[in-house]
Amino acid sequence: MCKLCCFADVNDVTQSPNIMLPGKENATLTCSHTKGDTYNRMYWFRQHQGKTMELIVYTTSFDTVEFGKLEKTKYSVNHESAAKGVLTVKNLESEDNALYLCAVSEHSEPE
């Protein structure tokens, strides 16, 4: 059994609820926000109990996808719009038991 916990600590950002699935299945996690179209960057993180957060992937609503140091084939991501993104964790295993977090940020030009 694999448990994926989701958490969002910002009023304008919501994630799918905690889920528990048997191994070898895929888990789909959704993140959405009401902050507006300029908040088009989305970050997905994973945190194992007692460990630091790890970046899974950074995306934008205009097709930028940059994976962190984790195994890229384990995850797929779809940034459907500026306000919604979906992360899929493939072929669940016990090592996938973790807290999964999403965060959004606003695009800003360098000064």
C-alpha atoms as a PDB file:
ATOM      1  CA  MET A   1       0.000   0.000   0.000  1.00  0.00           C
ATOM      2  CA  CYS A   2       1.347   3.409  -0.923  1.00  0.00           C
ATOM      3  CA  LYS A   3       0.148   6.589   0.758  1.00  0.00           C
ATOM      4  CA  LEU A   4       0.563   9.948  -0.946  1.00  0.00           C
ATOM      5  CA  CYS A   5      -0.189  12.981   1.195  1.00  0.00           C
ATOM      6  CA  CYS A   6      -0.847  16.348  -0.332  1.00  0.00           C
ATOM      7  CA  PHE A   7      -0.656  19.650   1.450  1.00  0.00           C
ATOM      8  CA  ALA A   8      -1.219  23.259   0.502  1.00  0.00           C
ATOM      9  CA  ASP A   9      -0.751  25.977   3.107  1.00  0.00           C
ATOM     10  CA  VAL A  10      -1.932  28.927   1.038  1.00  0.00           C
ATOM     11  CA  ASN A  11      -5.561  29.989   0.790  1.00  0.00           C
ATOM     12  CA  ASP A  12      -5.408  30.419  -2.984  1.00  0.00           C
ATOM     13  CA  VAL A  13      -3.723  27.066  -3.789  1.00  0.00           C
ATOM     14  CA  THR A  14      -5.483  23.717  -3.430  1.00  0.00           C
ATOM     15  CA  GLN A  15      -4.349  20.151  -3.956  1.00  0.00           C
ATOM     16  CA  SER A  16      -6.121  16.853  -4.288  1.00  0.00           C
ATOM     17  CA  PRO A  17      -6.776  15.081  -0.975  1.00  0.00           C
ATOM     18  CA  ASN A  18      -4.644  12.371   0.609  1.00  0.00           C
ATOM     19  CA  ILE A  19      -4.787   9.128  -1.323  1.00  0.00           C
ATOM     20  CA  MET A  20      -3.836   5.562  -0.580  1.00  0.00           C
ATOM     21  CA  LEU A  21      -3.353   3.059  -3.385  1.00  0.00           C
ATOM     22  CA  PRO A  22      -1.975  -0.449  -3.729  1.00  0.00           C
ATOM     23  CA  GLY A  23       1.438  -0.809  -5.327  1.00  0.00           C
ATOM     24  CA  LYS A  24       2.035  -0.857  -9.086  1.00  0.00           C
ATOM     25  CA  GLU A  25      -0.752   1.639  -9.774  1.00  0.00           C
ATOM     26  CA  ASN A  26      -0.389   5.258 -10.879  1.00  0.00           C
ATOM     27  CA  ALA A  27      -1.398   8.174  -8.650  1.00  0.00           C
ATOM     28  CA  THR A  28      -2.701  11.428 -10.086  1.00  0.00           C
ATOM     29  CA  LEU A  29      -2.314  14.577  -7.995  1.00  0.00           C
ATOM     30  CA  THR A  30      -3.981  17.852  -8.946  1.00  0.00           C
ATOM     31  CA  CYS A  31      -2.967  21.388  -8.022  1.00  0.00           C
ATOM     32  CA  SER A  32      -5.034  24.472  -8.794  1.00  0.00           C
ATOM     33  CA  HIS A  33      -5.070  28.101  -7.720  1.00  0.00           C
ATOM     34  CA  THR A  34      -7.120  31.268  -7.944  1.00  0.00           C
ATOM     35  CA  LYS A  35      -4.244  33.749  -7.932  1.00  0.00           C
ATOM     36  CA  GLY A  36      -4.624  34.771 -11.593  1.00  0.00           C
ATOM     37  CA  ASP A  37      -3.021  34.066 -14.966  1.00  0.00           C
ATOM     38  CA  THR A  38       0.301  35.736 -14.120  1.00  0.00           C
ATOM     39  CA  TYR A  39       0.932  32.921 -11.601  1.00  0.00           C
ATOM     40  CA  ASN A  40       1.850  30.508 -14.374  1.00  0.00           C
ATOM     41  CA  ARG A  41       4.838  28.737 -12.788  1.00  0.00           C
ATOM     42  CA  MET A  42       4.127  25.524 -10.908  1.00  0.00           C
ATOM     43  CA  TYR A  43       6.544  23.532  -8.776  1.00  0.00           C
ATOM     44  CA  TRP A  44       6.020  19.987  -7.492  1.00  0.00           C
ATOM     45  CA  PHE A  45       8.025  18.755  -4.497  1.00  0.00           C
ATOM     46  CA  ARG A  46       8.323  15.471  -2.604  1.00  0.00           C
ATOM     47  CA  GLN A  47       9.251  15.154   1.057  1.00  0.00           C
ATOM     48  CA  HIS A  48       9.882  11.887   2.860  1.00  0.00           C
ATOM     49  CA  GLN A  49       9.335  11.903   6.616  1.00  0.00           C
ATOM     50  CA  GLY A  50      12.330  13.432   8.395  1.00  0.00           C
ATOM     51  CA  LYS A  51      13.992  14.497   5.124  1.00  0.00           C
ATOM     52  CA  THR A  52      14.272  17.747   3.192  1.00  0.00           C
ATOM     53  CA  MET A  53      12.036  18.600   0.249  1.00  0.00           C
ATOM     54  CA  GLU A  54      13.145  17.525  -3.220  1.00  0.00           C
ATOM     55  CA  LEU A  55      12.085  19.245  -6.429  1.00  0.00           C
ATOM     56  CA  ILE A  56      10.292  16.830  -8.739  1.00  0.00           C
ATOM     57  CA  VAL A  57       9.510  19.209 -11.570  1.00  0.00           C
ATOM     58  CA  TYR A  58       9.041  22.864 -12.499  1.00  0.00           C
ATOM     59  CA  THR A  59       6.551  23.753 -15.233  1.00  0.00           C
ATOM     60  CA  THR A  60       4.968  26.748 -16.872  1.00  0.00           C
ATOM     61  CA  SER A  61       1.657  27.064 -18.642  1.00  0.00           C
ATOM     62  CA  PHE A  62       3.556  27.607 -21.895  1.00  0.00           C
ATOM     63  CA  ASP A  63       5.187  24.162 -22.061  1.00  0.00           C
ATOM     64  CA  THR A  64       8.392  24.595 -20.048  1.00  0.00           C
ATOM     65  CA  VAL A  65       9.127  21.375 -18.147  1.00  0.00           C
ATOM     66  CA  GLU A  66      12.299  21.063 -16.076  1.00  0.00           C
ATOM     67  CA  PHE A  67      12.750  18.000 -13.887  1.00  0.00           C
ATOM     68  CA  GLY A  68      14.830  18.045 -10.729  1.00  0.00           C
ATOM     69  CA  LYS A  69      17.308  15.304  -9.818  1.00  0.00           C
ATOM     70  CA  LEU A  70      14.689  12.597  -9.250  1.00  0.00           C
ATOM     71  CA  GLU A  71      14.084   9.842 -11.802  1.00  0.00           C
ATOM     72  CA  LYS A  72      12.244  11.524 -14.691  1.00  0.00           C
ATOM     73  CA  THR A  73      10.556   8.340 -15.917  1.00  0.00           C
ATOM     74  CA  LYS A  74       8.792   8.009 -12.548  1.00  0.00           C
ATOM     75  CA  TYR A  75       6.713  11.158 -13.111  1.00  0.00           C
ATOM     76  CA  SER A  76       4.670  12.871 -15.776  1.00  0.00           C
ATOM     77  CA  VAL A  77       3.250  16.353 -15.577  1.00  0.00           C
ATOM     78  CA  ASN A  78       0.553  18.293 -17.378  1.00  0.00           C
ATOM     79  CA  HIS A  79       0.243  22.030 -16.755  1.00  0.00           C
ATOM     80  CA  GLU A  80      -3.248  22.314 -18.210  1.00  0.00           C
ATOM     81  CA  SER A  81      -3.571  26.079 -17.727  1.00  0.00           C
ATOM     82  CA  ALA A  82      -2.024  28.842 -15.637  1.00  0.00           C
ATOM     83  CA  ALA A  83      -4.418  27.823 -12.853  1.00  0.00           C
ATOM     84  CA  LYS A  84      -4.217  24.010 -12.940  1.00  0.00           C
ATOM     85  CA  GLY A  85      -1.596  21.282 -13.132  1.00  0.00           C
ATOM     86  CA  VAL A  86      -1.518  17.514 -12.732  1.00  0.00           C
ATOM     87  CA  LEU A  87       1.352  15.333 -11.521  1.00  0.00           C
ATOM     88  CA  THR A  88       1.269  11.574 -12.096  1.00  0.00           C
ATOM     89  CA  VAL A  89       3.448   9.271  -9.995  1.00  0.00           C
ATOM     90  CA  LYS A  90       3.856   6.076 -12.011  1.00  0.00           C
ATOM     91  CA  ASN A  91       4.064   2.474 -10.837  1.00  0.00           C
ATOM     92  CA  LEU A  92       3.751   3.159  -7.103  1.00  0.00           C
ATOM     93  CA  GLU A  93       6.200   1.518  -4.739  1.00  0.00           C
ATOM     94  CA  SER A  94       6.772   1.839  -0.991  1.00  0.00           C
ATOM     95  CA  GLU A  95       9.552   4.387  -1.681  1.00  0.00           C
ATOM     96  CA  ASP A  96       6.862   6.716  -3.043  1.00  0.00           C
ATOM     97  CA  ASN A  97       5.269   7.108   0.412  1.00  0.00           C
ATOM     98  CA  ALA A  98       5.806  10.831   0.946  1.00  0.00           C
ATOM     99  CA  LEU A  99       4.275  14.256   1.248  1.00  0.00           C
ATOM    100  CA  TYR A 100       3.782  15.838  -2.188  1.00  0.00           C
ATOM    101  CA  LEU A 101       3.483  19.603  -2.392  1.00  0.00           C
ATOM    102  CA  CYS A 102       2.770  22.043  -5.159  1.00  0.00           C
ATOM    103  CA  ALA A 103       3.617  25.724  -5.203  1.00  0.00           C
ATOM    104  CA  VAL A 104       2.923  28.457  -7.721  1.00  0.00           C
ATOM    105  CA  SER A 105       4.757  31.663  -8.479  1.00  0.00           C
ATOM    106  CA  GLU A 106       4.200  34.735 -10.554  1.00  0.00           C
ATOM    107  CA  HIS A 107       6.184  35.443 -13.683  1.00  0.00           C
ATOM    108  CA  SER A 108       8.336  38.527 -13.383  1.00  0.00           C
ATOM    109  CA  GLU A 109      10.854  40.058 -15.750  1.00  0.00           C
ATOM    110  CA  PRO A 110      14.396  40.656 -14.451  1.00  0.00           C
ATOM    111  CA  GLU A 111      15.040  44.257 -13.493  1.00  0.00           C
END
